[in-house]
Amino acid sequence: MKRTILLSLFLGIVLTYFSYGQTKELDLKEIQRFATSTDYDDLLERYIDNDVTLTIDDYRNLYYGQAYQSDFSAYKNSDKETKLWNYLQNKTSPVNYDTVLNYAAEILEESPFNILVLTITMDAYKKLGDEEKSHIYSVKFQRILLTIASSGDGLKAKSAMVVTCIHDEYAMLGMLGLESKMQELVNIGGKYYDVLTVKKNQQKIKKVYFDINLFYGKM
C-alpha cells in the first residue's frame, strides 16, 4: 500500500511537470559553468536554508553541479550511513527520532542531496509531529527525484537517467515501483552505464539504464 501511494505521488509529480512543457535537454556543460561560479554557492545556501521556492532548474544546477565541486565524492559518508542504518534496524529498543535526526544531519551536512537520508529525515519529523519540517524535506526529496526523472526515461542508454551516486539508482527504482534482480556495468560508445534488470512489473519494463559518468571512477 505504501509503495502504491508513493508511486502514485511520484508519477503525479512527473506528469504535472511534463504537462507544462517545462523540460529541456540536460546540458551538463552549462551546469558545470554554473557549478564553478559563486552563483552555485548562493543557490546551495538557499537549499540548505530550506527554501521551498527553488525550481526544478535550480535543483538540476544543484544536484548535477555537486559533481563538479572539488570535494565531491559519490562514496562520501558511507560509515555514517552505516551507523544510521544499524540504529534503525536495531530491534532491542524503540527508535528515538531525535537521535535519527542527529545521525541524518551529520550525513546531510556533507551530502545534502542524499535521497534516502532526506526521506528518513522527512519521516522522523513526521513521527515527532513537526509537519512543517516534514513537508520541507518531502519537497526536497521529491524534487531531486523529479530532477533525475527529467534527465531521461531510462529505457535505453541514449535516454539513460543521469545520477551522481549508486544509491540514487535504487531510490529511483523504488519510486517507480520496480525491484532490481541484476546490476550490470556496460560501456557504450565510451560512456559508462549501470543497467539494472528488474523483476516482472505492471509497466512491463525489463531494464533501466543509468548514466554514471559523473562519478564512475572518481573517489
C-alpha atoms as a PDB file:
ATOM      1  CA  MET A   1       0.000   0.000   0.000  1.00  0.00           C
ATOM      2  CA  LYS A   2       2.745   2.469   0.985  1.00  0.00           C
ATOM      3  CA  ARG A   3       4.671   1.735  -2.225  1.00  0.00           C
ATOM      4  CA  THR A   4       1.490   2.254  -4.288  1.00  0.00           C
ATOM      5  CA  ILE A   5       0.870   5.622  -2.635  1.00  0.00           C
ATOM      6  CA  LEU A   6       4.485   6.723  -3.183  1.00  0.00           C
ATOM      7  CA  LEU A   7       4.403   5.584  -6.803  1.00  0.00           C
ATOM      8  CA  SER A   8       1.146   7.418  -7.468  1.00  0.00           C
ATOM      9  CA  LEU A   9       2.519  10.550  -5.825  1.00  0.00           C
ATOM     10  CA  PHE A  10       5.764  10.416  -7.778  1.00  0.00           C
ATOM     11  CA  LEU A  11       4.100   9.738 -11.129  1.00  0.00           C
ATOM     12  CA  GLY A  12       1.658  12.562 -10.443  1.00  0.00           C
ATOM     13  CA  ILE A  13       4.537  14.968  -9.892  1.00  0.00           C
ATOM     14  CA  VAL A  14       6.273  13.797 -13.061  1.00  0.00           C
ATOM     15  CA  LEU A  15       3.115  14.129 -15.164  1.00  0.00           C
ATOM     16  CA  THR A  16       2.446  17.613 -13.786  1.00  0.00           C
ATOM     17  CA  TYR A  17       5.974  18.714 -14.608  1.00  0.00           C
ATOM     18  CA  PHE A  18       5.948  17.337 -18.146  1.00  0.00           C
ATOM     19  CA  SER A  19       2.411  18.540 -18.885  1.00  0.00           C
ATOM     20  CA  TYR A  20       3.522  22.146 -18.533  1.00  0.00           C
ATOM     21  CA  GLY A  21       6.302  21.655 -21.046  1.00  0.00           C
ATOM     22  CA  GLN A  22       8.948  22.587 -18.504  1.00  0.00           C
ATOM     23  CA  THR A  23      11.505  20.074 -19.715  1.00  0.00           C
ATOM     24  CA  LYS A  24      14.646  20.898 -21.612  1.00  0.00           C
ATOM     25  CA  GLU A  25      17.596  18.764 -22.534  1.00  0.00           C
ATOM     26  CA  LEU A  26      20.121  18.317 -19.757  1.00  0.00           C
ATOM     27  CA  ASP A  27      23.132  20.496 -20.566  1.00  0.00           C
ATOM     28  CA  LEU A  28      25.963  19.343 -18.296  1.00  0.00           C
ATOM     29  CA  LYS A  29      28.447  21.821 -19.783  1.00  0.00           C
ATOM     30  CA  GLU A  30      26.146  24.675 -18.851  1.00  0.00           C
ATOM     31  CA  ILE A  31      25.677  23.196 -15.383  1.00  0.00           C
ATOM     32  CA  GLN A  32      29.451  22.815 -14.989  1.00  0.00           C
ATOM     33  CA  ARG A  33      29.924  26.515 -15.779  1.00  0.00           C
ATOM     34  CA  PHE A  34      27.285  27.394 -13.189  1.00  0.00           C
ATOM     35  CA  ALA A  35      28.731  24.995 -10.621  1.00  0.00           C
ATOM     36  CA  THR A  36      32.162  26.601 -10.765  1.00  0.00           C
ATOM     37  CA  SER A  37      30.789  30.098 -10.149  1.00  0.00           C
ATOM     38  CA  THR A  38      29.804  31.828  -6.915  1.00  0.00           C
ATOM     39  CA  ASP A  39      26.176  31.512  -8.014  1.00  0.00           C
ATOM     40  CA  TYR A  40      26.319  27.831  -7.108  1.00  0.00           C
ATOM     41  CA  ASP A  41      27.303  28.627  -3.523  1.00  0.00           C
ATOM     42  CA  ASP A  42      24.477  31.140  -3.244  1.00  0.00           C
ATOM     43  CA  LEU A  43      21.942  28.628  -4.564  1.00  0.00           C
ATOM     44  CA  LEU A  44      23.268  25.895  -2.277  1.00  0.00           C
ATOM     45  CA  GLU A  45      22.831  28.213   0.712  1.00  0.00           C
ATOM     46  CA  ARG A  46      19.180  28.742  -0.238  1.00  0.00           C
ATOM     47  CA  TYR A  47      18.707  24.968  -0.455  1.00  0.00           C
ATOM     48  CA  ILE A  48      20.335  24.390   2.953  1.00  0.00           C
ATOM     49  CA  ASP A  49      18.158  27.151   4.398  1.00  0.00           C
ATOM     50  CA  ASN A  50      15.128  25.112   3.247  1.00  0.00           C
ATOM     51  CA  ASP A  51      13.933  27.486   0.522  1.00  0.00           C
ATOM     52  CA  VAL A  52      10.907  25.648  -0.907  1.00  0.00           C
ATOM     53  CA  THR A  53      10.610  28.090  -3.853  1.00  0.00           C
ATOM     54  CA  LEU A  54      13.559  26.564  -5.708  1.00  0.00           C
ATOM     55  CA  THR A  55      12.606  25.377  -9.190  1.00  0.00           C
ATOM     56  CA  ILE A  56      13.493  22.136 -10.971  1.00  0.00           C
ATOM     57  CA  ASP A  57      16.102  24.082 -12.950  1.00  0.00           C
ATOM     58  CA  ASP A  58      17.602  25.185  -9.625  1.00  0.00           C
ATOM     59  CA  TYR A  59      17.629  21.570  -8.470  1.00  0.00           C
ATOM     60  CA  ARG A  60      19.281  20.490 -11.719  1.00  0.00           C
ATOM     61  CA  ASN A  61      22.062  23.005 -11.131  1.00  0.00           C
ATOM     62  CA  LEU A  62      22.450  21.871  -7.532  1.00  0.00           C
ATOM     63  CA  TYR A  63      22.162  18.099  -7.922  1.00  0.00           C
ATOM     64  CA  TYR A  64      24.341  17.764 -11.009  1.00  0.00           C
ATOM     65  CA  GLY A  65      26.512  20.718 -10.067  1.00  0.00           C
ATOM     66  CA  GLN A  66      27.719  18.894  -6.951  1.00  0.00           C
ATOM     67  CA  ALA A  67      29.704  16.548  -9.227  1.00  0.00           C
ATOM     68  CA  TYR A  68      31.897  19.473 -10.280  1.00  0.00           C
ATOM     69  CA  GLN A  69      32.833  20.531  -6.751  1.00  0.00           C
ATOM     70  CA  SER A  70      36.417  19.870  -5.671  1.00  0.00           C
ATOM     71  CA  ASP A  71      35.332  17.855  -2.622  1.00  0.00           C
ATOM     72  CA  PHE A  72      32.727  15.735  -4.429  1.00  0.00           C
ATOM     73  CA  SER A  73      32.703  12.007  -3.792  1.00  0.00           C
ATOM     74  CA  ALA A  74      29.883   9.624  -4.596  1.00  0.00           C
ATOM     75  CA  TYR A  75      31.105   7.405  -1.747  1.00  0.00           C
ATOM     76  CA  LYS A  76      31.151  10.031   0.987  1.00  0.00           C
ATOM     77  CA  ASN A  77      29.587   9.291   4.386  1.00  0.00           C
ATOM     78  CA  SER A  78      29.439   5.514   3.995  1.00  0.00           C
ATOM     79  CA  ASP A  79      30.499   4.992   7.638  1.00  0.00           C
ATOM     80  CA  LYS A  80      27.946   7.489   8.941  1.00  0.00           C
ATOM     81  CA  GLU A  81      25.220   5.946   6.819  1.00  0.00           C
ATOM     82  CA  THR A  82      26.101   2.513   8.180  1.00  0.00           C
ATOM     83  CA  LYS A  83      25.679   3.819  11.731  1.00  0.00           C
ATOM     84  CA  LEU A  84      22.265   5.237  10.841  1.00  0.00           C
ATOM     85  CA  TRP A  85      21.097   2.002   9.162  1.00  0.00           C
ATOM     86  CA  ASN A  86      22.345  -0.072  12.100  1.00  0.00           C
ATOM     87  CA  TYR A  87      20.496   2.148  14.552  1.00  0.00           C
ATOM     88  CA  LEU A  88      17.243   1.953  12.575  1.00  0.00           C
ATOM     89  CA  GLN A  89      17.500  -1.838  12.301  1.00  0.00           C
ATOM     90  CA  ASN A  90      18.236  -2.363  15.984  1.00  0.00           C
ATOM     91  CA  LYS A  91      15.129  -4.092  17.360  1.00  0.00           C
ATOM     92  CA  THR A  92      16.242  -4.167  21.012  1.00  0.00           C
ATOM     93  CA  SER A  93      14.904  -0.691  21.845  1.00  0.00           C
ATOM     94  CA  PRO A  94      12.348   1.797  20.447  1.00  0.00           C
ATOM     95  CA  VAL A  95      13.572   4.264  17.831  1.00  0.00           C
ATOM     96  CA  ASN A  96      14.392   7.702  19.211  1.00  0.00           C
ATOM     97  CA  TYR A  97      13.614  10.014  16.312  1.00  0.00           C
ATOM     98  CA  ASP A  98      15.688  12.872  17.735  1.00  0.00           C
ATOM     99  CA  THR A  99      18.659  10.517  17.549  1.00  0.00           C
ATOM    100  CA  VAL A 100      17.711   9.641  13.965  1.00  0.00           C
ATOM    101  CA  LEU A 101      17.680  13.345  13.089  1.00  0.00           C
ATOM    102  CA  ASN A 102      21.129  13.810  14.632  1.00  0.00           C
ATOM    103  CA  TYR A 103      22.557  10.965  12.551  1.00  0.00           C
ATOM    104  CA  ALA A 104      20.812  12.266   9.434  1.00  0.00           C
ATOM    105  CA  ALA A 105      22.010  15.839   9.959  1.00  0.00           C
ATOM    106  CA  GLU A 106      25.637  14.672  10.067  1.00  0.00           C
ATOM    107  CA  ILE A 107      25.207  12.919   6.738  1.00  0.00           C
ATOM    108  CA  LEU A 108      23.301  15.757   5.057  1.00  0.00           C
ATOM    109  CA  GLU A 109      25.910  18.271   6.155  1.00  0.00           C
ATOM    110  CA  GLU A 110      28.364  16.591   3.788  1.00  0.00           C
ATOM    111  CA  SER A 111      25.898  15.073   1.300  1.00  0.00           C
ATOM    112  CA  PRO A 112      22.885  17.425   1.198  1.00  0.00           C
ATOM    113  CA  PHE A 113      21.215  15.618  -1.736  1.00  0.00           C
ATOM    114  CA  ASN A 114      21.218  12.126  -0.251  1.00  0.00           C
ATOM    115  CA  ILE A 115      17.730  10.963  -1.251  1.00  0.00           C
ATOM    116  CA  LEU A 116      17.400   8.126   1.248  1.00  0.00           C
ATOM    117  CA  VAL A 117      18.522  10.267   4.186  1.00  0.00           C
ATOM    118  CA  LEU A 118      16.209  13.095   3.120  1.00  0.00           C
ATOM    119  CA  THR A 119      13.354  10.573   3.169  1.00  0.00           C
ATOM    120  CA  ILE A 120      14.356   9.319   6.611  1.00  0.00           C
ATOM    121  CA  THR A 121      14.535  12.915   7.864  1.00  0.00           C
ATOM    122  CA  MET A 122      11.073  13.644   6.462  1.00  0.00           C
ATOM    123  CA  ASP A 123       9.665  10.573   8.208  1.00  0.00           C
ATOM    124  CA  ALA A 124      11.425  11.353  11.524  1.00  0.00           C
ATOM    125  CA  TYR A 125       9.952  14.859  11.654  1.00  0.00           C
ATOM    126  CA  LYS A 126       6.524  13.423  10.864  1.00  0.00           C
ATOM    127  CA  LYS A 127       6.863  10.911  13.703  1.00  0.00           C
ATOM    128  CA  LEU A 128       7.774  13.800  16.031  1.00  0.00           C
ATOM    129  CA  GLY A 129       4.698  15.758  14.925  1.00  0.00           C
ATOM    130  CA  ASP A 130       6.604  18.506  13.100  1.00  0.00           C
ATOM    131  CA  GLU A 131       4.554  18.602   9.900  1.00  0.00           C
ATOM    132  CA  GLU A 132       6.175  21.814   8.647  1.00  0.00           C
ATOM    133  CA  LYS A 133       9.700  20.411   8.613  1.00  0.00           C
ATOM    134  CA  SER A 134       8.464  17.057   7.335  1.00  0.00           C
ATOM    135  CA  HIS A 135       6.934  18.906   4.372  1.00  0.00           C
ATOM    136  CA  ILE A 136      10.194  20.756   3.689  1.00  0.00           C
ATOM    137  CA  TYR A 137      12.148  17.524   3.391  1.00  0.00           C
ATOM    138  CA  SER A 138       9.345  15.951   1.374  1.00  0.00           C
ATOM    139  CA  VAL A 139       9.708  18.775  -1.147  1.00  0.00           C
ATOM    140  CA  LYS A 140      13.468  18.277  -1.267  1.00  0.00           C
ATOM    141  CA  PHE A 141      13.446  14.561  -1.946  1.00  0.00           C
ATOM    142  CA  GLN A 142      10.563  14.782  -4.440  1.00  0.00           C
ATOM    143  CA  ARG A 143      12.286  17.490  -6.453  1.00  0.00           C
ATOM    144  CA  ILE A 144      15.575  15.615  -6.537  1.00  0.00           C
ATOM    145  CA  LEU A 145      13.735  12.546  -7.840  1.00  0.00           C
ATOM    146  CA  LEU A 146      11.986  14.717 -10.410  1.00  0.00           C
ATOM    147  CA  THR A 147      15.327  16.233 -11.383  1.00  0.00           C
ATOM    148  CA  ILE A 148      16.688  12.769 -12.136  1.00  0.00           C
ATOM    149  CA  ALA A 149      13.498  11.775 -13.961  1.00  0.00           C
ATOM    150  CA  SER A 150      13.798  14.879 -16.143  1.00  0.00           C
ATOM    151  CA  SER A 151      17.218  13.731 -17.406  1.00  0.00           C
ATOM    152  CA  GLY A 152      15.806  10.722 -19.302  1.00  0.00           C
ATOM    153  CA  ASP A 153      13.328   7.860 -19.195  1.00  0.00           C
ATOM    154  CA  GLY A 154      15.985   5.220 -18.506  1.00  0.00           C
ATOM    155  CA  LEU A 155      14.653   2.793 -21.112  1.00  0.00           C
ATOM    156  CA  LYS A 156      17.833   2.799 -23.214  1.00  0.00           C
ATOM    157  CA  ALA A 157      21.379   4.119 -22.994  1.00  0.00           C
ATOM    158  CA  LYS A 158      20.593   7.139 -25.167  1.00  0.00           C
ATOM    159  CA  SER A 159      17.908   8.248 -22.716  1.00  0.00           C
ATOM    160  CA  ALA A 160      19.524   6.974 -19.518  1.00  0.00           C
ATOM    161  CA  MET A 161      18.708   8.725 -16.262  1.00  0.00           C
ATOM    162  CA  VAL A 162      21.742  10.658 -15.071  1.00  0.00           C
ATOM    163  CA  VAL A 163      22.664  10.101 -11.413  1.00  0.00           C
ATOM    164  CA  THR A 164      25.514  11.163  -9.136  1.00  0.00           C
ATOM    165  CA  CYS A 165      25.703   8.007  -6.991  1.00  0.00           C
ATOM    166  CA  ILE A 166      24.576   4.390  -6.987  1.00  0.00           C
ATOM    167  CA  HIS A 167      22.132   4.934  -4.098  1.00  0.00           C
ATOM    168  CA  ASP A 168      20.070   7.212  -6.322  1.00  0.00           C
ATOM    169  CA  GLU A 169      19.592   4.455  -8.887  1.00  0.00           C
ATOM    170  CA  TYR A 170      17.814   2.330  -6.314  1.00  0.00           C
ATOM    171  CA  ALA A 171      15.854   5.298  -4.969  1.00  0.00           C
ATOM    172  CA  MET A 172      14.509   5.887  -8.476  1.00  0.00           C
ATOM    173  CA  LEU A 173      13.598   2.230  -8.889  1.00  0.00           C
ATOM    174  CA  GLY A 174      11.761   2.313  -5.575  1.00  0.00           C
ATOM    175  CA  MET A 175       9.723   5.346  -6.546  1.00  0.00           C
ATOM    176  CA  LEU A 176       8.795   3.674  -9.834  1.00  0.00           C
ATOM    177  CA  GLY A 177       7.669   0.549  -8.004  1.00  0.00           C
ATOM    178  CA  LEU A 178      10.446  -1.553  -9.532  1.00  0.00           C
ATOM    179  CA  GLU A 179      12.815  -4.073  -7.962  1.00  0.00           C
ATOM    180  CA  SER A 180      16.260  -4.915  -9.283  1.00  0.00           C
ATOM    181  CA  LYS A 181      17.316  -8.510  -9.797  1.00  0.00           C
ATOM    182  CA  MET A 182      20.661  -7.832 -11.512  1.00  0.00           C
ATOM    183  CA  GLN A 183      23.061  -4.920 -11.984  1.00  0.00           C
ATOM    184  CA  GLU A 184      25.478  -4.751 -14.891  1.00  0.00           C
ATOM    185  CA  LEU A 185      28.167  -2.195 -15.749  1.00  0.00           C
ATOM    186  CA  VAL A 186      28.399  -1.580 -19.502  1.00  0.00           C
ATOM    187  CA  ASN A 187      30.483   0.636 -21.781  1.00  0.00           C
ATOM    188  CA  ILE A 188      28.595   2.011 -24.770  1.00  0.00           C
ATOM    189  CA  GLY A 189      30.375   4.421 -27.071  1.00  0.00           C
ATOM    190  CA  GLY A 190      32.998   5.197 -24.451  1.00  0.00           C
ATOM    191  CA  LYS A 191      30.437   6.080 -21.768  1.00  0.00           C
ATOM    192  CA  TYR A 192      29.589   4.016 -18.707  1.00  0.00           C
ATOM    193  CA  TYR A 193      26.144   2.898 -17.638  1.00  0.00           C
ATOM    194  CA  ASP A 194      24.635   0.844 -14.861  1.00  0.00           C
ATOM    195  CA  VAL A 195      21.964  -1.367 -16.383  1.00  0.00           C
ATOM    196  CA  LEU A 196      19.515  -2.729 -13.837  1.00  0.00           C
ATOM    197  CA  THR A 197      17.446  -5.701 -14.913  1.00  0.00           C
ATOM    198  CA  VAL A 198      14.200  -5.511 -12.954  1.00  0.00           C
ATOM    199  CA  LYS A 199      11.695  -8.057 -11.757  1.00  0.00           C
ATOM    200  CA  LYS A 200       8.406  -8.582 -13.534  1.00  0.00           C
ATOM    201  CA  ASN A 201       6.244  -5.462 -13.203  1.00  0.00           C
ATOM    202  CA  GLN A 202       2.984  -3.934 -14.404  1.00  0.00           C
ATOM    203  CA  GLN A 203       4.814  -1.418 -16.589  1.00  0.00           C
ATOM    204  CA  LYS A 204       6.474  -4.339 -18.440  1.00  0.00           C
ATOM    205  CA  ILE A 205       9.867  -2.672 -18.052  1.00  0.00           C
ATOM    206  CA  LYS A 206      12.764  -5.114 -18.330  1.00  0.00           C
ATOM    207  CA  LYS A 207      15.817  -2.899 -17.895  1.00  0.00           C
ATOM    208  CA  VAL A 208      16.566   0.588 -16.598  1.00  0.00           C
ATOM    209  CA  TYR A 209      19.674   2.473 -17.752  1.00  0.00           C
ATOM    210  CA  PHE A 210      21.570   4.928 -15.551  1.00  0.00           C
ATOM    211  CA  ASP A 211      24.311   7.230 -16.824  1.00  0.00           C
ATOM    212  CA  ILE A 212      27.061   7.099 -14.164  1.00  0.00           C
ATOM    213  CA  ASN A 213      29.763   9.138 -15.890  1.00  0.00           C
ATOM    214  CA  LEU A 214      29.600  11.975 -13.365  1.00  0.00           C
ATOM    215  CA  PHE A 215      31.008   9.734 -10.663  1.00  0.00           C
ATOM    216  CA  TYR A 216      32.278   6.465 -12.150  1.00  0.00           C
ATOM    217  CA  GLY A 217      35.982   6.000 -11.425  1.00  0.00           C
ATOM    218  CA  LYS A 218      36.096   9.074  -9.185  1.00  0.00           C
ATOM    219  CA  MET A 219      36.776   8.557  -5.492  1.00  0.00           C
END
